[in-house]
Amino acid sequence: MINFNDIHTAQARYQEWVVVAEQENQVAKDVKGSETAVSRLSQHLAHLGNRLQGHRLSQTAHSYR
């Protein structure tokens, strides 16, 4: 004989697992997106730092002329 309470409980548990899995997937996407944004920002800051350093070297070279 089929125990409908067991089936209902199993369905409820499965649904909970699906929700948790979806939440974990979203967190993973958010973390990856944040890492990508931080990486881009880091690259931009490095580029700006290089440009600033080049500008300072250029000014220093002018002052020695």
N, C-alpha and C. Protein backbone atom coordinates (compact mmCIF):
# COMPACT_ATOMS: atom_id res chain seq x y z
N MET A 1 0.83 -1.18 0.00
CA MET A 1 0.00 0.00 0.00
C MET A 1 0.88 1.26 0.00
N ILE A 2 0.47 2.27 -0.73
CA ILE A 2 1.23 3.52 -0.84
C ILE A 2 0.93 4.41 0.36
N ASN A 3 1.99 4.90 0.98
CA ASN A 3 1.83 5.83 2.09
C ASN A 3 1.94 7.26 1.53
N PHE A 4 0.80 7.93 1.42
CA PHE A 4 0.79 9.26 0.82
C PHE A 4 1.52 10.30 1.66
N ASN A 5 1.59 10.08 2.96
CA ASN A 5 2.35 11.00 3.81
C ASN A 5 3.83 10.96 3.45
N ASP A 6 4.36 9.76 3.19
CA ASP A 6 5.76 9.64 2.78
C ASP A 6 6.01 10.33 1.45
N ILE A 7 5.07 10.17 0.52
CA ILE A 7 5.21 10.81 -0.79
C ILE A 7 5.17 12.33 -0.63
N HIS A 8 4.24 12.82 0.17
CA HIS A 8 4.13 14.26 0.40
C HIS A 8 5.40 14.80 1.06
N THR A 9 5.91 14.08 2.05
CA THR A 9 7.14 14.49 2.73
C THR A 9 8.31 14.50 1.76
N ALA A 10 8.41 13.47 0.93
CA ALA A 10 9.50 13.40 -0.06
C ALA A 10 9.41 14.56 -1.05
N GLN A 11 8.19 14.88 -1.49
CA GLN A 11 8.02 16.00 -2.42
C GLN A 11 8.42 17.32 -1.76
N ALA A 12 8.04 17.50 -0.51
CA ALA A 12 8.37 18.73 0.21
C ALA A 12 9.89 18.85 0.38
N ARG A 13 10.54 17.75 0.74
CA ARG A 13 12.00 17.76 0.90
C ARG A 13 12.69 18.07 -0.42
N TYR A 14 12.20 17.43 -1.48
CA TYR A 14 12.77 17.66 -2.80
C TYR A 14 12.66 19.14 -3.16
N GLN A 15 11.49 19.73 -2.90
CA GLN A 15 11.28 21.14 -3.21
C GLN A 15 12.23 22.01 -2.40
N GLU A 16 12.46 21.67 -1.14
CA GLU A 16 13.42 22.41 -0.32
C GLU A 16 14.82 22.32 -0.92
N TRP A 17 15.19 21.13 -1.38
CA TRP A 17 16.52 20.95 -1.98
C TRP A 17 16.66 21.78 -3.25
N VAL A 18 15.58 21.82 -4.03
CA VAL A 18 15.61 22.61 -5.26
C VAL A 18 15.82 24.09 -4.92
N VAL A 19 15.09 24.58 -3.93
CA VAL A 19 15.22 25.99 -3.53
C VAL A 19 16.64 26.28 -3.05
N VAL A 20 17.17 25.41 -2.20
CA VAL A 20 18.53 25.60 -1.68
C VAL A 20 19.54 25.57 -2.82
N ALA A 21 19.39 24.62 -3.74
CA ALA A 21 20.31 24.52 -4.88
C ALA A 21 20.25 25.78 -5.73
N GLU A 22 19.06 26.32 -5.96
CA GLU A 22 18.92 27.55 -6.74
C GLU A 22 19.58 28.72 -6.01
N GLN A 23 19.41 28.79 -4.69
CA GLN A 23 20.03 29.86 -3.92
C GLN A 23 21.55 29.76 -3.97
N GLU A 24 22.06 28.53 -3.82
CA GLU A 24 23.51 28.34 -3.89
C GLU A 24 24.05 28.72 -5.26
N ASN A 25 23.31 28.37 -6.29
CA ASN A 25 23.71 28.72 -7.65
C ASN A 25 23.74 30.23 -7.83
N GLN A 26 22.75 30.93 -7.29
CA GLN A 26 22.71 32.39 -7.39
C GLN A 26 23.87 33.02 -6.63
N VAL A 27 24.16 32.49 -5.45
CA VAL A 27 25.29 33.01 -4.67
C VAL A 27 26.59 32.81 -5.45
N ALA A 28 26.75 31.65 -6.05
CA ALA A 28 27.96 31.38 -6.85
C ALA A 28 28.07 32.37 -8.01
N LYS A 29 26.94 32.65 -8.67
CA LYS A 29 26.95 33.62 -9.77
C LYS A 29 27.31 35.01 -9.25
N ASP A 30 26.72 35.40 -8.11
CA ASP A 30 27.01 36.71 -7.53
C ASP A 30 28.48 36.84 -7.17
N VAL A 31 29.03 35.78 -6.56
CA VAL A 31 30.44 35.80 -6.17
C VAL A 31 31.32 35.92 -7.42
N LYS A 32 31.01 35.14 -8.44
CA LYS A 32 31.79 35.19 -9.68
C LYS A 32 31.67 36.58 -10.31
N GLY A 33 30.47 37.15 -10.29
CA GLY A 33 30.29 38.49 -10.83
C GLY A 33 31.08 39.52 -10.05
N SER A 34 31.11 39.38 -8.74
CA SER A 34 31.88 40.30 -7.90
C SER A 34 33.37 40.15 -8.16
N GLU A 35 33.82 38.90 -8.29
CA GLU A 35 35.24 38.67 -8.58
C GLU A 35 35.61 39.29 -9.92
N THR A 36 34.72 39.17 -10.90
CA THR A 36 34.97 39.75 -12.22
C THR A 36 35.03 41.27 -12.11
N ALA A 37 34.11 41.86 -11.37
CA ALA A 37 34.09 43.31 -11.20
C ALA A 37 35.35 43.79 -10.48
N VAL A 38 35.77 43.08 -9.44
CA VAL A 38 36.98 43.45 -8.70
C VAL A 38 38.20 43.32 -9.61
N SER A 39 38.23 42.27 -10.40
CA SER A 39 39.35 42.07 -11.33
C SER A 39 39.42 43.21 -12.34
N ARG A 40 38.26 43.60 -12.88
CA ARG A 40 38.23 44.71 -13.83
C ARG A 40 38.69 46.01 -13.18
N LEU A 41 38.19 46.26 -11.97
CA LEU A 41 38.57 47.47 -11.25
C LEU A 41 40.08 47.47 -11.00
N SER A 42 40.61 46.34 -10.60
CA SER A 42 42.04 46.22 -10.35
C SER A 42 42.84 46.52 -11.61
N GLN A 43 42.37 46.00 -12.75
CA GLN A 43 43.05 46.26 -14.02
C GLN A 43 43.00 47.74 -14.37
N HIS A 44 41.85 48.37 -14.17
CA HIS A 44 41.72 49.80 -14.45
C HIS A 44 42.64 50.62 -13.56
N LEU A 45 42.68 50.26 -12.27
CA LEU A 45 43.55 51.00 -11.35
C LEU A 45 45.02 50.82 -11.72
N ALA A 46 45.41 49.62 -12.12
CA ALA A 46 46.79 49.38 -12.54
C ALA A 46 47.11 50.23 -13.78
N HIS A 47 46.16 50.27 -14.72
CA HIS A 47 46.35 51.06 -15.93
C HIS A 47 46.49 52.55 -15.59
N LEU A 48 45.62 53.04 -14.72
CA LEU A 48 45.71 54.44 -14.30
C LEU A 48 47.03 54.72 -13.59
N GLY A 49 47.46 53.79 -12.74
CA GLY A 49 48.74 53.94 -12.05
C GLY A 49 49.89 54.02 -13.03
N ASN A 50 49.86 53.19 -14.06
CA ASN A 50 50.92 53.22 -15.07
C ASN A 50 50.91 54.54 -15.84
N ARG A 51 49.71 55.02 -16.16
CA ARG A 51 49.61 56.30 -16.88
C ARG A 51 50.12 57.44 -16.01
N LEU A 52 49.75 57.42 -14.73
CA LEU A 52 50.20 58.47 -13.81
C LEU A 52 51.71 58.44 -13.67
N GLN A 53 52.27 57.24 -13.54
CA GLN A 53 53.71 57.11 -13.41
C GLN A 53 54.40 57.62 -14.67
N GLY A 54 53.85 57.29 -15.84
CA GLY A 54 54.40 57.78 -17.10
C GLY A 54 54.33 59.29 -17.18
N HIS A 55 53.24 59.87 -16.71
CA HIS A 55 53.09 61.33 -16.71
C HIS A 55 54.12 61.97 -15.80
N ARG A 56 54.33 61.39 -14.62
CA ARG A 56 55.33 61.93 -13.69
C ARG A 56 56.73 61.85 -14.28
N LEU A 57 57.05 60.72 -14.92
CA LEU A 57 58.37 60.58 -15.55
C LEU A 57 58.55 61.62 -16.65
N SER A 58 57.48 61.87 -17.40
CA SER A 58 57.53 62.86 -18.46
C SER A 58 57.78 64.25 -17.88
N GLN A 59 57.09 64.59 -16.78
CA GLN A 59 57.30 65.89 -16.13
C GLN A 59 58.71 66.01 -15.58
N THR A 60 59.21 64.92 -14.99
CA THR A 60 60.56 64.93 -14.44
C THR A 60 61.57 65.14 -15.56
N ALA A 61 61.38 64.49 -16.69
CA ALA A 61 62.28 64.65 -17.83
C ALA A 61 62.26 66.09 -18.32
N HIS A 62 61.08 66.71 -18.35
CA HIS A 62 60.97 68.11 -18.77
C HIS A 62 61.72 69.03 -17.82
N SER A 63 61.66 68.74 -16.54
CA SER A 63 62.30 69.64 -15.57
C SER A 63 63.82 69.58 -15.66
N TYR A 64 64.36 68.49 -16.21
CA TYR A 64 65.82 68.39 -16.35
C TYR A 64 66.32 69.01 -17.64
N ARG A 65 65.41 69.38 -18.53
CA ARG A 65 65.83 69.96 -19.81
C ARG A 65 66.18 71.41 -19.67
